[in-house]
Amino acid sequence: MDEGMVGLIVFLSVTLVCAFITHICLRNITWATEVSTLFSALIFQMVNLVMNDNPEPFIGIAVIFSLIYAFLIALLVGIPFHLFRRKRP
């Protein structure tokens, strides 16, 4: 496996775990999505720093793209939680 594939697997793992935990703990889909997005992007950048031993030269661009993709994943994870909670009385 090359470095890019490992990074993608780590990003998806971190983002999915953060999304599931926040959507279980927070009932509001907006807050859960925002918190999950911020935590997953922050944790992924910290893992990236630890794995590569030096900071990313384009850290700003990396943070922006990780925020965008983490938001989309958190929103997709949150939709079933929102629909399930809306059906319950």
PDB file of N, CA and C in Angstrom:
ATOM      1  N   MET A   1       0.838  -1.170   0.000  1.00  0.00           N
ATOM      2  CA  MET A   1       0.000   0.000   0.000  1.00  0.00           C
ATOM      3  C   MET A   1       0.890   1.241   0.000  1.00  0.00           C
ATOM      4  N   ASP A   2       0.550   2.192  -0.820  1.00  0.00           N
ATOM      5  CA  ASP A   2       1.351   3.402  -0.852  1.00  0.00           C
ATOM      6  C   ASP A   2       0.877   4.398   0.208  1.00  0.00           C
ATOM      7  N   GLU A   3       1.609   5.485   0.343  1.00  0.00           N
ATOM      8  CA  GLU A   3       1.343   6.461   1.402  1.00  0.00           C
ATOM      9  C   GLU A   3      -0.012   7.144   1.240  1.00  0.00           C
ATOM     10  N   GLY A   4      -0.428   7.384   0.004  1.00  0.00           N
ATOM     11  CA  GLY A   4      -1.714   8.021  -0.236  1.00  0.00           C
ATOM     12  C   GLY A   4      -2.889   7.159   0.204  1.00  0.00           C
ATOM     13  N   MET A   5      -2.807   5.867  -0.057  1.00  0.00           N
ATOM     14  CA  MET A   5      -3.879   4.955   0.336  1.00  0.00           C
ATOM     15  C   MET A   5      -3.963   4.839   1.852  1.00  0.00           C
ATOM     16  N   VAL A   6      -2.814   4.797   2.511  1.00  0.00           N
ATOM     17  CA  VAL A   6      -2.805   4.745   3.980  1.00  0.00           C
ATOM     18  C   VAL A   6      -3.431   6.016   4.549  1.00  0.00           C
ATOM     19  N   GLY A   7      -3.096   7.163   3.974  1.00  0.00           N
ATOM     20  CA  GLY A   7      -3.683   8.423   4.421  1.00  0.00           C
ATOM     21  C   GLY A   7      -5.186   8.459   4.242  1.00  0.00           C
ATOM     22  N   LEU A   8      -5.659   7.933   3.124  1.00  0.00           N
ATOM     23  CA  LEU A   8      -7.100   7.893   2.868  1.00  0.00           C
ATOM     24  C   LEU A   8      -7.815   6.976   3.848  1.00  0.00           C
ATOM     25  N   ILE A   9      -7.233   5.832   4.141  1.00  0.00           N
ATOM     26  CA  ILE A   9      -7.833   4.900   5.104  1.00  0.00           C
ATOM     27  C   ILE A   9      -7.865   5.515   6.497  1.00  0.00           C
ATOM     28  N   VAL A  10      -6.782   6.179   6.883  1.00  0.00           N
ATOM     29  CA  VAL A  10      -6.740   6.835   8.197  1.00  0.00           C
ATOM     30  C   VAL A  10      -7.779   7.946   8.257  1.00  0.00           C
ATOM     31  N   PHE A  11      -7.887   8.747   7.201  1.00  0.00           N
ATOM     32  CA  PHE A  11      -8.860   9.839   7.183  1.00  0.00           C
ATOM     33  C   PHE A  11     -10.289   9.317   7.291  1.00  0.00           C
ATOM     34  N   LEU A  12     -10.616   8.300   6.505  1.00  0.00           N
ATOM     35  CA  LEU A  12     -11.971   7.740   6.560  1.00  0.00           C
ATOM     36  C   LEU A  12     -12.266   7.114   7.919  1.00  0.00           C
ATOM     37  N   SER A  13     -11.298   6.433   8.493  1.00  0.00           N
ATOM     38  CA  SER A  13     -11.497   5.811   9.806  1.00  0.00           C
ATOM     39  C   SER A  13     -11.744   6.862  10.879  1.00  0.00           C
ATOM     40  N   VAL A  14     -10.901   7.875  10.907  1.00  0.00           N
ATOM     41  CA  VAL A  14     -11.040   8.939  11.914  1.00  0.00           C
ATOM     42  C   VAL A  14     -12.363   9.669  11.731  1.00  0.00           C
ATOM     43  N   THR A  15     -12.701   9.980  10.499  1.00  0.00           N
ATOM     44  CA  THR A  15     -13.931  10.727  10.234  1.00  0.00           C
ATOM     45  C   THR A  15     -15.174   9.914  10.585  1.00  0.00           C
ATOM     46  N   LEU A  16     -15.202   8.651  10.237  1.00  0.00           N
ATOM     47  CA  LEU A  16     -16.368   7.823  10.557  1.00  0.00           C
ATOM     48  C   LEU A  16     -16.527   7.617  12.060  1.00  0.00           C
ATOM     49  N   VAL A  17     -15.433   7.387  12.758  1.00  0.00           N
ATOM     50  CA  VAL A  17     -15.513   7.206  14.215  1.00  0.00           C
ATOM     51  C   VAL A  17     -16.000   8.490  14.878  1.00  0.00           C
ATOM     52  N   CYS A  18     -15.443   9.629  14.493  1.00  0.00           N
ATOM     53  CA  CYS A  18     -15.882  10.909  15.070  1.00  0.00           C
ATOM     54  C   CYS A  18     -17.351  11.180  14.752  1.00  0.00           C
ATOM     55  N   ALA A  19     -17.763  10.884  13.529  1.00  0.00           N
ATOM     56  CA  ALA A  19     -19.149  11.135  13.142  1.00  0.00           C
ATOM     57  C   ALA A  19     -20.115  10.267  13.936  1.00  0.00           C
ATOM     58  N   PHE A  20     -19.819   8.982  14.069  1.00  0.00           N
ATOM     59  CA  PHE A  20     -20.710   8.109  14.827  1.00  0.00           C
ATOM     60  C   PHE A  20     -20.780   8.517  16.295  1.00  0.00           C
ATOM     61  N   ILE A  21     -19.655   8.828  16.896  1.00  0.00           N
ATOM     62  CA  ILE A  21     -19.649   9.200  18.320  1.00  0.00           C
ATOM     63  C   ILE A  21     -20.418  10.493  18.547  1.00  0.00           C
ATOM     64  N   THR A  22     -20.181  11.500  17.721  1.00  0.00           N
ATOM     65  CA  THR A  22     -20.875  12.771  17.937  1.00  0.00           C
ATOM     66  C   THR A  22     -22.366  12.665  17.640  1.00  0.00           C
ATOM     67  N   HIS A  23     -22.744  11.894  16.637  1.00  0.00           N
ATOM     68  CA  HIS A  23     -24.176  11.778  16.334  1.00  0.00           C
ATOM     69  C   HIS A  23     -24.901  10.917  17.364  1.00  0.00           C
ATOM     70  N   ILE A  24     -24.197  10.039  18.037  1.00  0.00           N
ATOM     71  CA  ILE A  24     -24.813   9.287  19.128  1.00  0.00           C
ATOM     72  C   ILE A  24     -24.976  10.177  20.354  1.00  0.00           C
ATOM     73  N   CYS A  25     -23.963  10.983  20.644  1.00  0.00           N
ATOM     74  CA  CYS A  25     -23.972  11.793  21.872  1.00  0.00           C
ATOM     75  C   CYS A  25     -24.795  13.069  21.746  1.00  0.00           C
ATOM     76  N   LEU A  26     -24.777  13.708  20.589  1.00  0.00           N
ATOM     77  CA  LEU A  26     -25.491  14.971  20.396  1.00  0.00           C
ATOM     78  C   LEU A  26     -26.748  14.723  19.573  1.00  0.00           C
ATOM     79  N   ARG A  27     -27.866  15.238  20.038  1.00  0.00           N
ATOM     80  CA  ARG A  27     -29.128  14.978  19.361  1.00  0.00           C
ATOM     81  C   ARG A  27     -29.367  15.928  18.182  1.00  0.00           C
ATOM     82  N   ASN A  28     -28.786  17.115  18.231  1.00  0.00           N
ATOM     83  CA  ASN A  28     -28.977  18.091  17.160  1.00  0.00           C
ATOM     84  C   ASN A  28     -28.033  17.757  16.002  1.00  0.00           C
ATOM     85  N   ILE A  29     -28.592  17.568  14.817  1.00  0.00           N
ATOM     86  CA  ILE A  29     -27.774  17.156  13.675  1.00  0.00           C
ATOM     87  C   ILE A  29     -26.788  18.247  13.275  1.00  0.00           C
ATOM     88  N   THR A  30     -27.159  19.506  13.438  1.00  0.00           N
ATOM     89  CA  THR A  30     -26.261  20.601  13.063  1.00  0.00           C
ATOM     90  C   THR A  30     -25.040  20.635  13.957  1.00  0.00           C
ATOM     91  N   TRP A  31     -25.264  20.589  15.275  1.00  0.00           N
ATOM     92  CA  TRP A  31     -24.137  20.603  16.209  1.00  0.00           C
ATOM     93  C   TRP A  31     -23.277  19.361  16.049  1.00  0.00           C
ATOM     94  N   ALA A  32     -23.895  18.218  15.889  1.00  0.00           N
ATOM     95  CA  ALA A  32     -23.134  16.975  15.759  1.00  0.00           C
ATOM     96  C   ALA A  32     -22.273  16.987  14.498  1.00  0.00           C
ATOM     97  N   THR A  33     -22.810  17.514  13.415  1.00  0.00           N
ATOM     98  CA  THR A  33     -22.043  17.584  12.175  1.00  0.00           C
ATOM     99  C   THR A  33     -20.876  18.552  12.306  1.00  0.00           C
ATOM    100  N   GLU A  34     -21.118  19.707  12.915  1.00  0.00           N
ATOM    101  CA  GLU A  34     -20.045  20.695  13.080  1.00  0.00           C
ATOM    102  C   GLU A  34     -18.946  20.181  14.001  1.00  0.00           C
ATOM    103  N   VAL A  35     -19.325  19.607  15.131  1.00  0.00           N
ATOM    104  CA  VAL A  35     -18.330  19.095  16.083  1.00  0.00           C
ATOM    105  C   VAL A  35     -17.549  17.945  15.459  1.00  0.00           C
ATOM    106  N   SER A  36     -18.239  17.063  14.779  1.00  0.00           N
ATOM    107  CA  SER A  36     -17.569  15.938  14.130  1.00  0.00           C
ATOM    108  C   SER A  36     -16.595  16.418  13.063  1.00  0.00           C
ATOM    109  N   THR A  37     -16.997  17.399  12.291  1.00  0.00           N
ATOM    110  CA  THR A  37     -16.126  17.935  11.247  1.00  0.00           C
ATOM    111  C   THR A  37     -14.857  18.526  11.833  1.00  0.00           C
ATOM    112  N   LEU A  38     -15.011  19.349  12.857  1.00  0.00           N
ATOM    113  CA  LEU A  38     -13.837  19.985  13.460  1.00  0.00           C
ATOM    114  C   LEU A  38     -12.911  18.975  14.118  1.00  0.00           C
ATOM    115  N   PHE A  39     -13.483  18.056  14.894  1.00  0.00           N
ATOM    116  CA  PHE A  39     -12.648  17.061  15.581  1.00  0.00           C
ATOM    117  C   PHE A  39     -11.933  16.142  14.596  1.00  0.00           C
ATOM    118  N   SER A  40     -12.637  15.681  13.582  1.00  0.00           N
ATOM    119  CA  SER A  40     -12.002  14.747  12.654  1.00  0.00           C
ATOM    120  C   SER A  40     -10.900  15.423  11.845  1.00  0.00           C
ATOM    121  N   ALA A  41     -11.111  16.668  11.431  1.00  0.00           N
ATOM    122  CA  ALA A  41     -10.052  17.374  10.701  1.00  0.00           C
ATOM    123  C   ALA A  41      -8.847  17.629  11.602  1.00  0.00           C
ATOM    124  N   LEU A  42      -9.098  18.011  12.849  1.00  0.00           N
ATOM    125  CA  LEU A  42      -8.006  18.262  13.789  1.00  0.00           C
ATOM    126  C   LEU A  42      -7.233  16.981  14.093  1.00  0.00           C
ATOM    127  N   ILE A  43      -7.943  15.903  14.368  1.00  0.00           N
ATOM    128  CA  ILE A  43      -7.283  14.631  14.684  1.00  0.00           C
ATOM    129  C   ILE A  43      -6.509  14.117  13.471  1.00  0.00           C
ATOM    130  N   PHE A  44      -7.084  14.244  12.278  1.00  0.00           N
ATOM    131  CA  PHE A  44      -6.383  13.774  11.084  1.00  0.00           C
ATOM    132  C   PHE A  44      -5.103  14.567  10.843  1.00  0.00           C
ATOM    133  N   GLN A  45      -5.143  15.867  11.038  1.00  0.00           N
ATOM    134  CA  GLN A  45      -3.927  16.665  10.848  1.00  0.00           C
ATOM    135  C   GLN A  45      -2.872  16.325  11.897  1.00  0.00           C
ATOM    136  N   MET A  46      -3.298  16.020  13.119  1.00  0.00           N
ATOM    137  CA  MET A  46      -2.336  15.610  14.148  1.00  0.00           C
ATOM    138  C   MET A  46      -1.727  14.250  13.802  1.00  0.00           C
ATOM    139  N   VAL A  47      -2.548  13.312  13.326  1.00  0.00           N
ATOM    140  CA  VAL A  47      -2.033  12.003  12.917  1.00  0.00           C
ATOM    141  C   VAL A  47      -1.071  12.162  11.739  1.00  0.00           C
ATOM    142  N   ASN A  48      -1.406  13.031  10.810  1.00  0.00           N
ATOM    143  CA  ASN A  48      -0.539  13.293   9.665  1.00  0.00           C
ATOM    144  C   ASN A  48       0.803  13.862  10.119  1.00  0.00           C
ATOM    145  N   LEU A  49       0.782  14.746  11.087  1.00  0.00           N
ATOM    146  CA  LEU A  49       2.018  15.322  11.611  1.00  0.00           C
ATOM    147  C   LEU A  49       2.870  14.259  12.300  1.00  0.00           C
ATOM    148  N   VAL A  50       2.230  13.369  13.052  1.00  0.00           N
ATOM    149  CA  VAL A  50       2.963  12.309  13.745  1.00  0.00           C
ATOM    150  C   VAL A  50       3.538  11.297  12.746  1.00  0.00           C
ATOM    151  N   MET A  51       2.773  10.950  11.722  1.00  0.00           N
ATOM    152  CA  MET A  51       3.230   9.954  10.753  1.00  0.00           C
ATOM    153  C   MET A  51       4.360  10.473   9.865  1.00  0.00           C
ATOM    154  N   ASN A  52       4.337  11.753   9.525  1.00  0.00           N
ATOM    155  CA  ASN A  52       5.317  12.291   8.581  1.00  0.00           C
ATOM    156  C   ASN A  52       6.495  12.990   9.240  1.00  0.00           C
ATOM    157  N   ASP A  53       6.463  13.224  10.521  1.00  0.00           N
ATOM    158  CA  ASP A  53       7.541  13.856  11.287  1.00  0.00           C
ATOM    159  C   ASP A  53       7.825  15.307  10.910  1.00  0.00           C
ATOM    160  N   ASN A  54       7.194  15.829   9.914  1.00  0.00           N
ATOM    161  CA  ASN A  54       7.379  17.236   9.575  1.00  0.00           C
ATOM    162  C   ASN A  54       6.037  17.803   9.126  1.00  0.00           C
ATOM    163  N   PRO A  55       5.840  19.099   9.311  1.00  0.00           N
ATOM    164  CA  PRO A  55       4.540  19.669   8.939  1.00  0.00           C
ATOM    165  C   PRO A  55       4.323  19.675   7.420  1.00  0.00           C
ATOM    166  N   GLU A  56       3.088  19.570   7.067  1.00  0.00           N
ATOM    167  CA  GLU A  56       2.686  19.620   5.659  1.00  0.00           C
ATOM    168  C   GLU A  56       3.042  21.002   5.103  1.00  0.00           C
ATOM    169  N   PRO A  57       3.653  21.090   3.920  1.00  0.00           N
ATOM    170  CA  PRO A  57       4.013  22.408   3.394  1.00  0.00           C
ATOM    171  C   PRO A  57       2.783  23.258   3.045  1.00  0.00           C
ATOM    172  N   PHE A  58       1.704  22.620   2.654  1.00  0.00           N
ATOM    173  CA  PHE A  58       0.478  23.340   2.326  1.00  0.00           C
ATOM    174  C   PHE A  58      -0.601  22.976   3.341  1.00  0.00           C
ATOM    175  N   ILE A  59      -0.332  23.257   4.614  1.00  0.00           N
ATOM    176  CA  ILE A  59      -1.234  22.846   5.695  1.00  0.00           C
ATOM    177  C   ILE A  59      -2.604  23.511   5.572  1.00  0.00           C
ATOM    178  N   GLY A  60      -2.656  24.743   5.114  1.00  0.00           N
ATOM    179  CA  GLY A  60      -3.933  25.441   4.978  1.00  0.00           C
ATOM    180  C   GLY A  60      -4.851  24.772   3.981  1.00  0.00           C
ATOM    181  N   ILE A  61      -4.312  24.402   2.852  1.00  0.00           N
ATOM    182  CA  ILE A  61      -5.105  23.724   1.825  1.00  0.00           C
ATOM    183  C   ILE A  61      -5.531  22.345   2.313  1.00  0.00           C
ATOM    184  N   ALA A  62      -4.632  21.650   2.999  1.00  0.00           N
ATOM    185  CA  ALA A  62      -4.963  20.324   3.529  1.00  0.00           C
ATOM    186  C   ALA A  62      -6.091  20.408   4.556  1.00  0.00           C
ATOM    187  N   VAL A  63      -6.058  21.428   5.408  1.00  0.00           N
ATOM    188  CA  VAL A  63      -7.112  21.597   6.418  1.00  0.00           C
ATOM    189  C   VAL A  63      -8.444  21.907   5.749  1.00  0.00           C
ATOM    190  N   ILE A  64      -8.440  22.774   4.761  1.00  0.00           N
ATOM    191  CA  ILE A  64      -9.689  23.136   4.079  1.00  0.00           C
ATOM    192  C   ILE A  64     -10.314  21.914   3.404  1.00  0.00           C
ATOM    193  N   PHE A  65      -9.513  21.140   2.691  1.00  0.00           N
ATOM    194  CA  PHE A  65     -10.060  19.961   2.018  1.00  0.00           C
ATOM    195  C   PHE A  65     -10.498  18.888   3.011  1.00  0.00           C
ATOM    196  N   SER A  66      -9.760  18.729   4.102  1.00  0.00           N
ATOM    197  CA  SER A  66     -10.190  17.740   5.097  1.00  0.00           C
ATOM    198  C   SER A  66     -11.477  18.192   5.783  1.00  0.00           C
ATOM    199  N   LEU A  67     -11.647  19.502   5.983  1.00  0.00           N
ATOM    200  CA  LEU A  67     -12.905  20.003   6.553  1.00  0.00           C
ATOM    201  C   LEU A  67     -14.080  19.749   5.606  1.00  0.00           C
ATOM    202  N   ILE A  68     -13.878  19.980   4.330  1.00  0.00           N
ATOM    203  CA  ILE A  68     -14.960  19.780   3.354  1.00  0.00           C
ATOM    204  C   ILE A  68     -15.389  18.312   3.311  1.00  0.00           C
ATOM    205  N   TYR A  69     -14.427  17.418   3.179  1.00  0.00           N
ATOM    206  CA  TYR A  69     -14.772  15.997   3.084  1.00  0.00           C
ATOM    207  C   TYR A  69     -15.280  15.437   4.410  1.00  0.00           C
ATOM    208  N   ALA A  70     -14.742  15.923   5.520  1.00  0.00           N
ATOM    209  CA  ALA A  70     -15.233  15.477   6.826  1.00  0.00           C
ATOM    210  C   ALA A  70     -16.671  15.946   7.042  1.00  0.00           C
ATOM    211  N   PHE A  71     -16.999  17.153   6.571  1.00  0.00           N
ATOM    212  CA  PHE A  71     -18.369  17.657   6.686  1.00  0.00           C
ATOM    213  C   PHE A  71     -19.335  16.785   5.893  1.00  0.00           C
ATOM    214  N   LEU A  72     -18.961  16.442   4.674  1.00  0.00           N
ATOM    215  CA  LEU A  72     -19.844  15.610   3.847  1.00  0.00           C
ATOM    216  C   LEU A  72     -20.055  14.228   4.458  1.00  0.00           C
ATOM    217  N   ILE A  73     -18.994  13.639   4.982  1.00  0.00           N
ATOM    218  CA  ILE A  73     -19.116  12.317   5.605  1.00  0.00           C
ATOM    219  C   ILE A  73     -19.957  12.401   6.872  1.00  0.00           C
ATOM    220  N   ALA A  74     -19.728  13.434   7.694  1.00  0.00           N
ATOM    221  CA  ALA A  74     -20.505  13.591   8.927  1.00  0.00           C
ATOM    222  C   ALA A  74     -21.982  13.819   8.616  1.00  0.00           C
ATOM    223  N   LEU A  75     -22.264  14.547   7.566  1.00  0.00           N
ATOM    224  CA  LEU A  75     -23.651  14.776   7.175  1.00  0.00           C
ATOM    225  C   LEU A  75     -24.306  13.482   6.694  1.00  0.00           C
ATOM    226  N   LEU A  76     -23.588  12.692   5.913  1.00  0.00           N
ATOM    227  CA  LEU A  76     -24.134  11.412   5.445  1.00  0.00           C
ATOM    228  C   LEU A  76     -24.352  10.433   6.597  1.00  0.00           C
ATOM    229  N   VAL A  77     -23.480  10.455   7.580  1.00  0.00           N
ATOM    230  CA  VAL A  77     -23.663   9.593   8.752  1.00  0.00           C
ATOM    231  C   VAL A  77     -24.825  10.102   9.599  1.00  0.00           C
ATOM    232  N   GLY A  78     -25.006  11.407   9.668  1.00  0.00           N
ATOM    233  CA  GLY A  78     -26.023  11.991  10.530  1.00  0.00           C
ATOM    234  C   GLY A  78     -27.445  11.887  10.017  1.00  0.00           C
ATOM    235  N   ILE A  79     -27.628  11.750   8.727  1.00  0.00           N
ATOM    236  CA  ILE A  79     -28.985  11.700   8.167  1.00  0.00           C
ATOM    237  C   ILE A  79     -29.788  10.518   8.713  1.00  0.00           C
ATOM    238  N   PRO A  80     -29.261   9.293   8.755  1.00  0.00           N
ATOM    239  CA  PRO A  80     -30.048   8.199   9.353  1.00  0.00           C
ATOM    240  C   PRO A  80     -30.362   8.428  10.834  1.00  0.00           C
ATOM    241  N   PHE A  81     -29.419   8.997  11.582  1.00  0.00           N
ATOM    242  CA  PHE A  81     -29.681   9.309  12.987  1.00  0.00           C
ATOM    243  C   PHE A  81     -30.825  10.311  13.099  1.00  0.00           C
ATOM    244  N   HIS A  82     -30.804  11.332  12.255  1.00  0.00           N
ATOM    245  CA  HIS A  82     -31.847  12.357  12.289  1.00  0.00           C
ATOM    246  C   HIS A  82     -33.207  11.771  11.927  1.00  0.00           C
ATOM    247  N   LEU A  83     -33.255  10.953  10.900  1.00  0.00           N
ATOM    248  CA  LEU A  83     -34.526  10.350  10.492  1.00  0.00           C
ATOM    249  C   LEU A  83     -35.061   9.396  11.553  1.00  0.00           C
ATOM    250  N   PHE A  84     -34.180   8.628  12.185  1.00  0.00           N
ATOM    251  CA  PHE A  84     -34.602   7.707  13.239  1.00  0.00           C
ATOM    252  C   PHE A  84     -35.140   8.473  14.444  1.00  0.00           C
ATOM    253  N   ARG A  85     -34.472   9.543  14.830  1.00  0.00           N
ATOM    254  CA  ARG A  85     -34.915  10.321  15.993  1.00  0.00           C
ATOM    255  C   ARG A  85     -36.185  11.100  15.692  1.00  0.00           C
ATOM    256  N   ARG A  86     -36.391  11.481  14.443  1.00  0.00           N
ATOM    257  CA  ARG A  86     -37.593  12.216  14.089  1.00  0.00           C
ATOM    258  C   ARG A  86     -38.821  11.315  14.123  1.00  0.00           C
ATOM    259  N   LYS A  87     -38.652  10.015  13.815  1.00  0.00           N
ATOM    260  CA  LYS A  87     -39.779   9.079  13.832  1.00  0.00           C
ATOM    261  C   LYS A  87     -40.227   8.746  15.243  1.00  0.00           C
ATOM    262  N   ARG A  88     -39.260   8.719  16.181  1.00  0.00           N
ATOM    263  CA  ARG A  88     -39.609   8.360  17.558  1.00  0.00           C
ATOM    264  C   ARG A  88     -40.383   9.488  18.217  1.00  0.00           C
ATOM    265  N   PRO A  89     -41.325   9.139  19.095  1.00  0.00           N
ATOM    266  CA  PRO A  89     -42.094  10.190  19.785  1.00  0.00           C
ATOM    267  C   PRO A  89     -41.287  10.875  20.859  1.00  0.00           C
TER     268      PRO A  89
END
